[in-house]
Amino acid sequence: MIKTDICIIGAGPVGLFAVFEAGLLKMRCHLIDALPQVGGQLSEIYPHKPIYDIPGFPAINAQDLVNNLMEQIAPFNPSFTLGERVEILARQADGSYHIISNEGTVIHAQVVVIAGGLGSFEPRKPDIPGLADFEGRGVSYMVKNPETYRGKRVVVAGGGDSALDWTIFLSEVAAAVTLVHRSDSFRGTPDSAEKVFSLAERGKINLLLQSNLSVVRGNGTLSHVGVLGSDKTETLLETDALIPLFGLSPKLGPIADWGLTIDKSAIAVDTSDYSTGVERIYAIGDINTYPGKLKLILCGFHEAALMAQSAFRYVYPDEKLSFKYTTVNGVNAF
């Protein structure tokens, strides 16, 4: 049995930062994640994607942010169980929990923090006959390494931030990039949309608006993608890769059975400390919901800080919490 003060379910950026905030209060953390590496969606889905809303960094690649967080929490020596999913939360007589994974790993913790991002997630896939036949053979639902597409013909589909950001990035990597979107406006940030329109005007990308994917073809590997325009005319594009980026379909998995208040596939929390309503269980990051919720990494960092202050009373019930500034005391002083 692994014994710790706080068990953090989810080793994404918010879960990692929670280790730092807990460490400042001398609370030990163990993180468990179903993915085989830390970083959550940042490492699994878009490690090379630039992120623009981290304070102090005009831009930082997703994986670099994860690496920086790991360096930041190193003084607090967190431990990890990776590649295993939490199946059972068993409350003990003293109020603590046994957290049990699908592999039988048992973690004993005074506090449980759910920082599972979107929970168990899978990409939303377009309804195209035979699409699954080309998965891993030209069709991918995430960009793990953009160098895979260097010098290749790429079709990106979608209208959100991921589709826009990767279109912009791949325009400097791929031989040709086509962005297909069903509307004539984008859901992503106006700045990214403006960049995409500019790339199209300069001939750096091919932009097909009011269009939908219609067919995929190839002999073992993808060679053509069909695009249906608003006039019902189908265009067959020669391509080496299709990247449909229609977002993720969140699935809470076993979390849904833990007696928490669930609101539209997210966990309702009290914004005073991001507690769930079940004693000693908190939820931070994209997994939670409350009025005015913004799914931003920096908001998750704020939630982690307040969570740690609240969790202290369960780990050290006989001690008085004294807030200290790291600018005065440094990290090692904690």
C-alpha atoms as a PDB file:
ATOM      1  CA  MET A   1       0.000   0.000   0.000  1.00  0.00           C
ATOM      2  CA  ILE A   2       1.211   3.476  -0.935  1.00  0.00           C
ATOM      3  CA  LYS A   3       0.677   5.998   1.876  1.00  0.00           C
ATOM      4  CA  THR A   4       0.477   9.718   1.197  1.00  0.00           C
ATOM      5  CA  ASP A   5      -1.257  12.875   2.413  1.00  0.00           C
ATOM      6  CA  ILE A   6      -3.001  13.746  -0.857  1.00  0.00           C
ATOM      7  CA  CYS A   7      -3.788  11.468  -3.765  1.00  0.00           C
ATOM      8  CA  ILE A   8      -4.165  13.462  -6.986  1.00  0.00           C
ATOM      9  CA  ILE A   9      -6.104  11.704  -9.716  1.00  0.00           C
ATOM     10  CA  GLY A  10      -4.722  13.134 -12.938  1.00  0.00           C
ATOM     11  CA  ALA A  11      -1.146  14.155 -13.719  1.00  0.00           C
ATOM     12  CA  GLY A  12      -1.924  16.954 -16.139  1.00  0.00           C
ATOM     13  CA  PRO A  13      -0.696  20.532 -15.617  1.00  0.00           C
ATOM     14  CA  VAL A  14      -3.252  21.360 -12.935  1.00  0.00           C
ATOM     15  CA  GLY A  15      -2.558  18.136 -11.037  1.00  0.00           C
ATOM     16  CA  LEU A  16       1.165  18.806 -11.220  1.00  0.00           C
ATOM     17  CA  PHE A  17       0.796  22.369  -9.942  1.00  0.00           C
ATOM     18  CA  ALA A  18      -1.341  21.078  -7.080  1.00  0.00           C
ATOM     19  CA  VAL A  19       1.762  19.187  -5.916  1.00  0.00           C
ATOM     20  CA  PHE A  20       3.599  22.502  -5.638  1.00  0.00           C
ATOM     21  CA  GLU A  21       0.835  24.189  -3.663  1.00  0.00           C
ATOM     22  CA  ALA A  22       0.502  21.185  -1.359  1.00  0.00           C
ATOM     23  CA  GLY A  23       4.260  20.970  -0.954  1.00  0.00           C
ATOM     24  CA  LEU A  24       4.429  24.535   0.287  1.00  0.00           C
ATOM     25  CA  LEU A  25       2.230  23.353   3.162  1.00  0.00           C
ATOM     26  CA  LYS A  26       4.381  20.259   3.749  1.00  0.00           C
ATOM     27  CA  MET A  27       1.788  17.850   2.368  1.00  0.00           C
ATOM     28  CA  ARG A  28       3.028  14.828   0.427  1.00  0.00           C
ATOM     29  CA  CYS A  29       1.366  13.930  -2.880  1.00  0.00           C
ATOM     30  CA  HIS A  30       0.976  10.804  -4.949  1.00  0.00           C
ATOM     31  CA  LEU A  31      -0.397  11.167  -8.489  1.00  0.00           C
ATOM     32  CA  ILE A  32      -2.169   8.477 -10.483  1.00  0.00           C
ATOM     33  CA  ASP A  33      -3.014   8.745 -14.168  1.00  0.00           C
ATOM     34  CA  ALA A  34      -4.353   6.378 -16.805  1.00  0.00           C
ATOM     35  CA  LEU A  35      -1.877   7.750 -19.343  1.00  0.00           C
ATOM     36  CA  PRO A  36       1.628   6.272 -19.430  1.00  0.00           C
ATOM     37  CA  GLN A  37       3.299   9.661 -18.900  1.00  0.00           C
ATOM     38  CA  VAL A  38       2.687  12.871 -16.979  1.00  0.00           C
ATOM     39  CA  GLY A  39       1.267  15.924 -18.697  1.00  0.00           C
ATOM     40  CA  GLY A  40      -2.290  14.818 -19.424  1.00  0.00           C
ATOM     41  CA  GLN A  41      -3.726  16.179 -22.662  1.00  0.00           C
ATOM     42  CA  LEU A  42      -0.720  18.464 -23.147  1.00  0.00           C
ATOM     43  CA  SER A  43       1.632  15.512 -23.554  1.00  0.00           C
ATOM     44  CA  GLU A  44      -0.826  13.063 -25.094  1.00  0.00           C
ATOM     45  CA  ILE A  45      -2.629  15.212 -27.642  1.00  0.00           C
ATOM     46  CA  TYR A  46      -0.627  18.328 -28.496  1.00  0.00           C
ATOM     47  CA  PRO A  47       2.867  18.313 -26.920  1.00  0.00           C
ATOM     48  CA  HIS A  48       4.237  20.743 -29.527  1.00  0.00           C
ATOM     49  CA  LYS A  49       1.276  23.112 -29.522  1.00  0.00           C
ATOM     50  CA  PRO A  50       2.103  26.628 -28.310  1.00  0.00           C
ATOM     51  CA  ILE A  51       0.130  27.922 -25.307  1.00  0.00           C
ATOM     52  CA  TYR A  52      -0.314  31.677 -24.991  1.00  0.00           C
ATOM     53  CA  ASP A  53      -2.152  32.265 -21.701  1.00  0.00           C
ATOM     54  CA  ILE A  54       0.394  31.152 -19.095  1.00  0.00           C
ATOM     55  CA  PRO A  55       1.443  34.223 -17.062  1.00  0.00           C
ATOM     56  CA  GLY A  56       5.047  35.212 -17.688  1.00  0.00           C
ATOM     57  CA  PHE A  57       5.315  33.254 -20.936  1.00  0.00           C
ATOM     58  CA  PRO A  58       4.265  35.062 -24.146  1.00  0.00           C
ATOM     59  CA  ALA A  59       4.246  31.566 -25.667  1.00  0.00           C
ATOM     60  CA  ILE A  60       5.324  28.166 -24.388  1.00  0.00           C
ATOM     61  CA  ASN A  61       5.059  24.742 -25.988  1.00  0.00           C
ATOM     62  CA  ALA A  62       2.767  22.356 -24.142  1.00  0.00           C
ATOM     63  CA  GLN A  63       5.499  19.825 -23.387  1.00  0.00           C
ATOM     64  CA  ASP A  64       7.866  22.554 -22.209  1.00  0.00           C
ATOM     65  CA  LEU A  65       5.206  23.680 -19.747  1.00  0.00           C
ATOM     66  CA  VAL A  66       4.917  20.115 -18.433  1.00  0.00           C
ATOM     67  CA  ASN A  67       8.700  19.866 -18.115  1.00  0.00           C
ATOM     68  CA  ASN A  68       8.820  23.168 -16.219  1.00  0.00           C
ATOM     69  CA  LEU A  69       6.091  22.015 -13.847  1.00  0.00           C
ATOM     70  CA  MET A  70       7.988  18.785 -13.165  1.00  0.00           C
ATOM     71  CA  GLU A  71      11.100  20.825 -12.364  1.00  0.00           C
ATOM     72  CA  GLN A  72       9.071  23.122 -10.113  1.00  0.00           C
ATOM     73  CA  ILE A  73       7.648  20.269  -8.020  1.00  0.00           C
ATOM     74  CA  ALA A  74      10.864  18.225  -7.843  1.00  0.00           C
ATOM     75  CA  PRO A  75      11.815  19.612  -4.382  1.00  0.00           C
ATOM     76  CA  PHE A  76       8.645  18.060  -2.950  1.00  0.00           C
ATOM     77  CA  ASN A  77       9.421  14.534  -4.221  1.00  0.00           C
ATOM     78  CA  PRO A  78       5.972  13.471  -5.437  1.00  0.00           C
ATOM     79  CA  SER A  79       5.425   9.831  -6.341  1.00  0.00           C
ATOM     80  CA  PHE A  80       3.521   8.508  -9.348  1.00  0.00           C
ATOM     81  CA  THR A  81       1.440   5.592 -10.542  1.00  0.00           C
ATOM     82  CA  LEU A  82       1.116   5.886 -14.325  1.00  0.00           C
ATOM     83  CA  GLY A  83      -0.766   3.775 -16.842  1.00  0.00           C
ATOM     84  CA  GLU A  84      -3.432   2.816 -14.286  1.00  0.00           C
ATOM     85  CA  ARG A  85      -6.975   4.075 -13.862  1.00  0.00           C
ATOM     86  CA  VAL A  86      -8.676   4.624 -10.514  1.00  0.00           C
ATOM     87  CA  GLU A  87     -11.652   2.289 -10.192  1.00  0.00           C
ATOM     88  CA  ILE A  88     -12.664   2.451  -6.527  1.00  0.00           C
ATOM     89  CA  LEU A  89     -12.700   5.037  -3.757  1.00  0.00           C
ATOM     90  CA  ALA A  90     -13.188   3.341  -0.400  1.00  0.00           C
ATOM     91  CA  ARG A  91     -13.745   5.620   2.576  1.00  0.00           C
ATOM     92  CA  GLN A  92     -12.170   4.434   5.814  1.00  0.00           C
ATOM     93  CA  ALA A  93     -13.487   4.727   9.364  1.00  0.00           C
ATOM     94  CA  ASP A  94     -11.230   7.719  10.111  1.00  0.00           C
ATOM     95  CA  GLY A  95     -12.434   9.594   7.036  1.00  0.00           C
ATOM     96  CA  SER A  96      -9.383   8.850   4.896  1.00  0.00           C
ATOM     97  CA  TYR A  97      -9.579   6.966   1.601  1.00  0.00           C
ATOM     98  CA  HIS A  98      -8.223   3.915  -0.096  1.00  0.00           C
ATOM     99  CA  ILE A  99      -7.840   4.649  -3.794  1.00  0.00           C
ATOM    100  CA  ILE A 100      -7.740   1.409  -5.797  1.00  0.00           C
ATOM    101  CA  SER A 101      -6.644   1.185  -9.440  1.00  0.00           C
ATOM    102  CA  ASN A 102      -7.636  -1.246 -12.172  1.00  0.00           C
ATOM    103  CA  GLU A 103      -4.284  -2.976 -11.611  1.00  0.00           C
ATOM    104  CA  GLY A 104      -4.929  -3.441  -7.898  1.00  0.00           C
ATOM    105  CA  THR A 105      -2.639  -0.661  -6.686  1.00  0.00           C
ATOM    106  CA  VAL A 106      -3.887   0.687  -3.345  1.00  0.00           C
ATOM    107  CA  ILE A 107      -3.129   4.238  -2.221  1.00  0.00           C
ATOM    108  CA  HIS A 108      -4.018   5.439   1.282  1.00  0.00           C
ATOM    109  CA  ALA A 109      -4.592   9.205   1.467  1.00  0.00           C
ATOM    110  CA  GLN A 110      -6.184  11.703   3.803  1.00  0.00           C
ATOM    111  CA  VAL A 111      -7.454  13.776   0.884  1.00  0.00           C
ATOM    112  CA  VAL A 112      -8.417  12.979  -2.715  1.00  0.00           C
ATOM    113  CA  VAL A 113      -8.052  15.590  -5.451  1.00  0.00           C
ATOM    114  CA  ILE A 114      -9.629  14.870  -8.818  1.00  0.00           C
ATOM    115  CA  ALA A 115      -7.664  16.733 -11.482  1.00  0.00           C
ATOM    116  CA  GLY A 116      -8.612  14.481 -14.355  1.00  0.00           C
ATOM    117  CA  GLY A 117      -9.089  17.127 -17.041  1.00  0.00           C
ATOM    118  CA  LEU A 118     -12.013  15.960 -19.129  1.00  0.00           C
ATOM    119  CA  GLY A 119     -12.001  12.597 -17.401  1.00  0.00           C
ATOM    120  CA  SER A 120     -11.648   9.630 -19.715  1.00  0.00           C
ATOM    121  CA  PHE A 121     -11.817  11.142 -23.169  1.00  0.00           C
ATOM    122  CA  GLU A 122     -11.912  10.103 -26.784  1.00  0.00           C
ATOM    123  CA  PRO A 123     -11.853  12.175 -29.956  1.00  0.00           C
ATOM    124  CA  ARG A 124     -15.090  13.039 -31.713  1.00  0.00           C
ATOM    125  CA  LYS A 125     -14.916  11.347 -35.082  1.00  0.00           C
ATOM    126  CA  PRO A 126     -16.665  12.456 -38.278  1.00  0.00           C
ATOM    127  CA  ASP A 127     -19.258  10.062 -39.638  1.00  0.00           C
ATOM    128  CA  ILE A 128     -17.430   8.936 -42.771  1.00  0.00           C
ATOM    129  CA  PRO A 129     -17.735   5.359 -44.091  1.00  0.00           C
ATOM    130  CA  GLY A 130     -14.486   3.433 -43.765  1.00  0.00           C
ATOM    131  CA  LEU A 131     -12.714   6.102 -41.710  1.00  0.00           C
ATOM    132  CA  ALA A 132     -11.608   3.600 -39.060  1.00  0.00           C
ATOM    133  CA  ASP A 133      -9.846   1.555 -41.751  1.00  0.00           C
ATOM    134  CA  PHE A 134      -7.305   4.350 -42.165  1.00  0.00           C
ATOM    135  CA  GLU A 135      -6.699   5.148 -38.495  1.00  0.00           C
ATOM    136  CA  GLY A 136      -2.956   4.928 -38.032  1.00  0.00           C
ATOM    137  CA  ARG A 137      -2.600   4.709 -41.806  1.00  0.00           C
ATOM    138  CA  GLY A 138      -3.004   8.372 -42.613  1.00  0.00           C
ATOM    139  CA  VAL A 139      -5.847   9.347 -40.270  1.00  0.00           C
ATOM    140  CA  SER A 140      -4.970  10.758 -36.845  1.00  0.00           C
ATOM    141  CA  TYR A 141      -7.089  12.609 -34.295  1.00  0.00           C
ATOM    142  CA  MET A 142      -4.178  14.378 -32.622  1.00  0.00           C
ATOM    143  CA  VAL A 143      -0.754  15.714 -33.557  1.00  0.00           C
ATOM    144  CA  LYS A 144       1.862  14.122 -31.342  1.00  0.00           C
ATOM    145  CA  ASN A 145       4.878  15.059 -33.449  1.00  0.00           C
ATOM    146  CA  PRO A 146       4.494  17.663 -36.198  1.00  0.00           C
ATOM    147  CA  GLU A 147       7.683  16.413 -37.843  1.00  0.00           C
ATOM    148  CA  THR A 148       5.618  13.421 -38.956  1.00  0.00           C
ATOM    149  CA  TYR A 149       3.979  15.761 -41.459  1.00  0.00           C
ATOM    150  CA  ARG A 150       7.071  17.470 -42.804  1.00  0.00           C
ATOM    151  CA  GLY A 151       6.922  17.657 -46.580  1.00  0.00           C
ATOM    152  CA  LYS A 152       3.539  15.937 -46.723  1.00  0.00           C
ATOM    153  CA  ARG A 153       0.102  16.935 -47.971  1.00  0.00           C
ATOM    154  CA  VAL A 154      -2.180  17.403 -44.969  1.00  0.00           C
ATOM    155  CA  VAL A 155      -5.921  17.950 -44.628  1.00  0.00           C
ATOM    156  CA  VAL A 156      -7.065  19.404 -41.300  1.00  0.00           C
ATOM    157  CA  ALA A 157     -10.787  19.474 -40.480  1.00  0.00           C
ATOM    158  CA  GLY A 158     -12.476  21.530 -37.767  1.00  0.00           C
ATOM    159  CA  GLY A 159     -13.176  25.078 -36.657  1.00  0.00           C
ATOM    160  CA  GLY A 160     -11.947  25.252 -33.069  1.00  0.00           C
ATOM    161  CA  ASP A 161      -8.668  26.375 -31.557  1.00  0.00           C
ATOM    162  CA  SER A 162      -6.863  23.080 -32.164  1.00  0.00           C
ATOM    163  CA  ALA A 163      -7.753  23.047 -35.871  1.00  0.00           C
ATOM    164  CA  LEU A 164      -6.697  26.668 -36.288  1.00  0.00           C
ATOM    165  CA  ASP A 165      -3.492  26.365 -34.270  1.00  0.00           C
ATOM    166  CA  TRP A 166      -2.333  23.244 -36.060  1.00  0.00           C
ATOM    167  CA  THR A 167      -3.182  24.684 -39.453  1.00  0.00           C
ATOM    168  CA  ILE A 168      -1.001  27.686 -38.637  1.00  0.00           C
ATOM    169  CA  PHE A 169       1.825  25.528 -37.291  1.00  0.00           C
ATOM    170  CA  LEU A 170       1.773  22.942 -40.091  1.00  0.00           C
ATOM    171  CA  SER A 171       1.750  25.634 -42.761  1.00  0.00           C
ATOM    172  CA  GLU A 172       5.477  25.961 -42.019  1.00  0.00           C
ATOM    173  CA  VAL A 173       6.094  22.209 -41.908  1.00  0.00           C
ATOM    174  CA  ALA A 174       3.923  20.391 -44.459  1.00  0.00           C
ATOM    175  CA  ALA A 175       4.220  20.621 -48.225  1.00  0.00           C
ATOM    176  CA  ALA A 176       0.553  21.586 -48.441  1.00  0.00           C
ATOM    177  CA  VAL A 177      -2.164  22.200 -45.861  1.00  0.00           C
ATOM    178  CA  THR A 178      -5.911  22.274 -46.504  1.00  0.00           C
ATOM    179  CA  LEU A 179      -8.305  23.343 -43.739  1.00  0.00           C
ATOM    180  CA  VAL A 180     -11.891  22.130 -44.119  1.00  0.00           C
ATOM    181  CA  HIS A 181     -14.631  23.712 -42.020  1.00  0.00           C
ATOM    182  CA  ARG A 182     -18.396  23.365 -42.236  1.00  0.00           C
ATOM    183  CA  SER A 183     -19.070  27.059 -41.571  1.00  0.00           C
ATOM    184  CA  ASP A 184     -17.675  30.342 -42.867  1.00  0.00           C
ATOM    185  CA  SER A 185     -16.656  31.463 -39.364  1.00  0.00           C
ATOM    186  CA  PHE A 186     -14.572  29.797 -36.662  1.00  0.00           C
ATOM    187  CA  ARG A 187     -15.159  28.897 -33.014  1.00  0.00           C
ATOM    188  CA  GLY A 188     -11.502  29.486 -32.181  1.00  0.00           C
ATOM    189  CA  THR A 189      -9.912  32.722 -31.019  1.00  0.00           C
ATOM    190  CA  PRO A 190     -10.296  35.701 -33.385  1.00  0.00           C
ATOM    191  CA  ASP A 191      -6.518  36.150 -33.527  1.00  0.00           C
ATOM    192  CA  SER A 192      -5.972  32.585 -34.756  1.00  0.00           C
ATOM    193  CA  ALA A 193      -8.842  32.883 -37.225  1.00  0.00           C
ATOM    194  CA  GLU A 194      -7.312  36.077 -38.615  1.00  0.00           C
ATOM    195  CA  LYS A 195      -3.965  34.318 -39.079  1.00  0.00           C
ATOM    196  CA  VAL A 196      -5.657  31.463 -40.951  1.00  0.00           C
ATOM    197  CA  PHE A 197      -7.471  33.855 -43.286  1.00  0.00           C
ATOM    198  CA  SER A 198      -4.200  35.668 -43.881  1.00  0.00           C
ATOM    199  CA  LEU A 199      -2.414  32.409 -44.722  1.00  0.00           C
ATOM    200  CA  ALA A 200      -5.166  31.554 -47.189  1.00  0.00           C
ATOM    201  CA  GLU A 201      -4.981  34.976 -48.860  1.00  0.00           C
ATOM    202  CA  ARG A 202      -1.216  34.573 -49.286  1.00  0.00           C
ATOM    203  CA  GLY A 203      -1.611  31.090 -50.728  1.00  0.00           C
ATOM    204  CA  LYS A 204       0.136  29.398 -47.834  1.00  0.00           C
ATOM    205  CA  ILE A 205      -2.855  27.139 -47.158  1.00  0.00           C
ATOM    206  CA  ASN A 206      -5.986  26.016 -48.968  1.00  0.00           C
ATOM    207  CA  LEU A 207      -9.117  27.053 -47.060  1.00  0.00           C
ATOM    208  CA  LEU A 208     -12.398  25.265 -47.806  1.00  0.00           C
ATOM    209  CA  LEU A 209     -15.290  26.827 -45.903  1.00  0.00           C
ATOM    210  CA  GLN A 210     -18.929  25.694 -45.800  1.00  0.00           C
ATOM    211  CA  SER A 211     -17.580  22.249 -46.608  1.00  0.00           C
ATOM    212  CA  ASN A 212     -17.669  18.821 -45.011  1.00  0.00           C
ATOM    213  CA  LEU A 213     -15.575  15.676 -45.226  1.00  0.00           C
ATOM    214  CA  SER A 214     -17.426  13.115 -47.323  1.00  0.00           C
ATOM    215  CA  VAL A 215     -15.184  10.158 -48.142  1.00  0.00           C
ATOM    216  CA  VAL A 216     -11.752   8.648 -47.541  1.00  0.00           C
ATOM    217  CA  ARG A 217      -9.965   6.445 -50.044  1.00  0.00           C
ATOM    218  CA  GLY A 218      -6.728   4.574 -50.377  1.00  0.00           C
ATOM    219  CA  ASN A 219      -5.117   1.210 -50.897  1.00  0.00           C
ATOM    220  CA  GLY A 220      -4.056   0.240 -47.398  1.00  0.00           C
ATOM    221  CA  THR A 221      -3.004   3.804 -46.589  1.00  0.00           C
ATOM    222  CA  LEU A 222      -4.872   7.049 -47.096  1.00  0.00           C
ATOM    223  CA  SER A 223      -4.454   8.682 -50.497  1.00  0.00           C
ATOM    224  CA  HIS A 224      -7.578  10.811 -51.066  1.00  0.00           C
ATOM    225  CA  VAL A 225     -10.105  12.748 -49.012  1.00  0.00           C
ATOM    226  CA  GLY A 226     -13.449  13.822 -50.422  1.00  0.00           C
ATOM    227  CA  VAL A 227     -14.849  17.245 -49.515  1.00  0.00           C
ATOM    228  CA  LEU A 228     -18.465  18.175 -50.131  1.00  0.00           C
ATOM    229  CA  GLY A 229     -19.106  21.877 -50.715  1.00  0.00           C
ATOM    230  CA  SER A 230     -22.245  23.870 -49.971  1.00  0.00           C
ATOM    231  CA  ASP A 231     -23.311  23.423 -53.590  1.00  0.00           C
ATOM    232  CA  LYS A 232     -23.148  19.633 -53.089  1.00  0.00           C
ATOM    233  CA  THR A 233     -20.154  19.382 -55.400  1.00  0.00           C
ATOM    234  CA  GLU A 234     -17.605  16.850 -54.216  1.00  0.00           C
ATOM    235  CA  THR A 235     -13.890  17.534 -54.573  1.00  0.00           C
ATOM    236  CA  LEU A 236     -11.386  14.719 -54.201  1.00  0.00           C
ATOM    237  CA  LEU A 237      -8.118  15.886 -52.628  1.00  0.00           C
ATOM    238  CA  GLU A 238      -4.871  13.961 -52.894  1.00  0.00           C
ATOM    239  CA  THR A 239      -3.402  13.781 -49.409  1.00  0.00           C
ATOM    240  CA  ASP A 240      -0.997  11.920 -47.176  1.00  0.00           C
ATOM    241  CA  ALA A 241      -2.723  12.703 -43.905  1.00  0.00           C
ATOM    242  CA  LEU A 242      -6.140  13.631 -42.546  1.00  0.00           C
ATOM    243  CA  ILE A 243      -6.402  15.214 -39.097  1.00  0.00           C
ATOM    244  CA  PRO A 244     -10.040  15.639 -37.965  1.00  0.00           C
ATOM    245  CA  LEU A 245     -10.019  17.947 -34.940  1.00  0.00           C
ATOM    246  CA  PHE A 246     -13.612  18.059 -33.729  1.00  0.00           C
ATOM    247  CA  GLY A 247     -12.827  18.116 -30.030  1.00  0.00           C
ATOM    248  CA  LEU A 248     -13.036  15.456 -27.364  1.00  0.00           C
ATOM    249  CA  SER A 249     -15.993  13.552 -26.019  1.00  0.00           C
ATOM    250  CA  PRO A 250     -15.584  13.528 -22.230  1.00  0.00           C
ATOM    251  CA  LYS A 251     -16.470  10.440 -20.266  1.00  0.00           C
ATOM    252  CA  LEU A 252     -16.254  10.504 -16.490  1.00  0.00           C
ATOM    253  CA  GLY A 253     -15.798   6.753 -16.234  1.00  0.00           C
ATOM    254  CA  PRO A 254     -15.814   5.374 -12.658  1.00  0.00           C
ATOM    255  CA  ILE A 255     -15.891   8.936 -11.246  1.00  0.00           C
ATOM    256  CA  ALA A 256     -19.606   9.017 -12.065  1.00  0.00           C
ATOM    257  CA  ASP A 257     -20.199   6.311  -9.441  1.00  0.00           C
ATOM    258  CA  TRP A 258     -18.469   8.024  -6.504  1.00  0.00           C
ATOM    259  CA  GLY A 259     -21.489   9.887  -5.147  1.00  0.00           C
ATOM    260  CA  LEU A 260     -20.396  13.298  -6.431  1.00  0.00           C
ATOM    261  CA  THR A 261     -22.750  15.909  -7.846  1.00  0.00           C
ATOM    262  CA  ILE A 262     -22.436  15.659 -11.630  1.00  0.00           C
ATOM    263  CA  ASP A 263     -23.553  18.492 -13.897  1.00  0.00           C
ATOM    264  CA  LYS A 264     -23.234  17.878 -17.650  1.00  0.00           C
ATOM    265  CA  SER A 265     -20.322  15.463 -17.334  1.00  0.00           C
ATOM    266  CA  ALA A 266     -18.465  17.692 -14.857  1.00  0.00           C
ATOM    267  CA  ILE A 267     -18.189  17.722 -11.063  1.00  0.00           C
ATOM    268  CA  ALA A 268     -19.977  20.542  -9.233  1.00  0.00           C
ATOM    269  CA  VAL A 269     -17.771  22.253  -6.642  1.00  0.00           C
ATOM    270  CA  ASP A 270     -17.850  24.952  -3.972  1.00  0.00           C
ATOM    271  CA  THR A 271     -15.726  27.841  -5.257  1.00  0.00           C
ATOM    272  CA  SER A 272     -14.538  28.759  -1.758  1.00  0.00           C
ATOM    273  CA  ASP A 273     -12.166  25.764  -1.835  1.00  0.00           C
ATOM    274  CA  TYR A 274     -13.220  23.575  -4.816  1.00  0.00           C
ATOM    275  CA  SER A 275     -14.546  20.839  -2.570  1.00  0.00           C
ATOM    276  CA  THR A 276     -17.092  18.486  -4.103  1.00  0.00           C
ATOM    277  CA  GLY A 277     -19.599  18.202  -1.281  1.00  0.00           C
ATOM    278  CA  VAL A 278     -18.189  14.793  -0.342  1.00  0.00           C
ATOM    279  CA  GLU A 279     -15.850  15.369   2.558  1.00  0.00           C
ATOM    280  CA  ARG A 280     -12.125  15.266   1.731  1.00  0.00           C
ATOM    281  CA  ILE A 281     -12.704  15.073  -2.034  1.00  0.00           C
ATOM    282  CA  TYR A 282     -11.841  18.069  -4.222  1.00  0.00           C
ATOM    283  CA  ALA A 283     -12.053  18.645  -7.973  1.00  0.00           C
ATOM    284  CA  ILE A 284      -9.856  21.123  -9.834  1.00  0.00           C
ATOM    285  CA  GLY A 285      -9.240  21.942 -13.470  1.00  0.00           C
ATOM    286  CA  ASP A 286     -11.434  21.061 -16.445  1.00  0.00           C
ATOM    287  CA  ILE A 287     -13.154  18.231 -14.562  1.00  0.00           C
ATOM    288  CA  ASN A 288     -15.105  20.655 -12.353  1.00  0.00           C
ATOM    289  CA  THR A 289     -17.920  23.105 -12.990  1.00  0.00           C
ATOM    290  CA  TYR A 290     -19.349  26.173 -11.262  1.00  0.00           C
ATOM    291  CA  PRO A 291     -21.007  29.437 -12.322  1.00  0.00           C
ATOM    292  CA  GLY A 292     -18.578  31.406 -14.474  1.00  0.00           C
ATOM    293  CA  LYS A 293     -16.223  28.465 -14.998  1.00  0.00           C
ATOM    294  CA  LEU A 294     -13.473  29.008 -17.576  1.00  0.00           C
ATOM    295  CA  LYS A 295     -11.580  25.970 -18.807  1.00  0.00           C
ATOM    296  CA  LEU A 296      -8.158  27.557 -18.711  1.00  0.00           C
ATOM    297  CA  ILE A 297      -4.974  26.117 -17.255  1.00  0.00           C
ATOM    298  CA  LEU A 298      -4.344  29.297 -15.277  1.00  0.00           C
ATOM    299  CA  CYS A 299      -7.796  28.997 -13.670  1.00  0.00           C
ATOM    300  CA  GLY A 300      -6.928  25.450 -12.643  1.00  0.00           C
ATOM    301  CA  PHE A 301      -3.741  26.748 -11.021  1.00  0.00           C
ATOM    302  CA  HIS A 302      -5.821  29.152  -8.920  1.00  0.00           C
ATOM    303  CA  GLU A 303      -8.172  26.333  -7.937  1.00  0.00           C
ATOM    304  CA  ALA A 304      -5.201  24.183  -6.885  1.00  0.00           C
ATOM    305  CA  ALA A 305      -3.961  26.908  -4.542  1.00  0.00           C
ATOM    306  CA  LEU A 306      -7.282  27.276  -2.719  1.00  0.00           C
ATOM    307  CA  MET A 307      -7.750  23.510  -2.595  1.00  0.00           C
ATOM    308  CA  ALA A 308      -4.414  23.032  -0.824  1.00  0.00           C
ATOM    309  CA  GLN A 309      -5.241  25.632   1.803  1.00  0.00           C
ATOM    310  CA  SER A 310      -8.491  23.814   2.547  1.00  0.00           C
ATOM    311  CA  ALA A 311      -7.014  20.300   2.481  1.00  0.00           C
ATOM    312  CA  PHE A 312      -4.449  21.244   5.129  1.00  0.00           C
ATOM    313  CA  ARG A 313      -7.014  20.871   7.909  1.00  0.00           C
ATOM    314  CA  TYR A 314      -7.503  17.189   7.103  1.00  0.00           C
ATOM    315  CA  VAL A 315      -3.804  16.379   6.885  1.00  0.00           C
ATOM    316  CA  TYR A 316      -2.841  18.416   9.963  1.00  0.00           C
ATOM    317  CA  PRO A 317      -6.058  18.708  12.008  1.00  0.00           C
ATOM    318  CA  ASP A 318      -4.214  19.880  15.133  1.00  0.00           C
ATOM    319  CA  GLU A 319      -2.121  22.572  13.456  1.00  0.00           C
ATOM    320  CA  LYS A 320      -2.989  26.137  12.547  1.00  0.00           C
ATOM    321  CA  LEU A 321      -2.420  27.089   8.926  1.00  0.00           C
ATOM    322  CA  SER A 322      -0.032  30.000   8.521  1.00  0.00           C
ATOM    323  CA  PHE A 323       0.102  31.466   5.030  1.00  0.00           C
ATOM    324  CA  LYS A 324       3.606  32.391   3.824  1.00  0.00           C
ATOM    325  CA  TYR A 325       4.842  34.099   0.673  1.00  0.00           C
ATOM    326  CA  THR A 326       7.380  32.194  -1.416  1.00  0.00           C
ATOM    327  CA  THR A 327       8.917  35.555  -2.358  1.00  0.00           C
ATOM    328  CA  VAL A 328       9.944  35.964   1.279  1.00  0.00           C
ATOM    329  CA  ASN A 329      10.610  32.402   2.396  1.00  0.00           C
ATOM    330  CA  GLY A 330      11.630  30.678  -0.833  1.00  0.00           C
ATOM    331  CA  VAL A 331      10.578  27.118  -1.600  1.00  0.00           C
ATOM    332  CA  ASN A 332      13.074  25.163   0.479  1.00  0.00           C
ATOM    333  CA  ALA A 333      11.913  26.979   3.611  1.00  0.00           C
ATOM    334  CA  PHE A 334       8.613  25.125   3.383  1.00  0.00           C
END
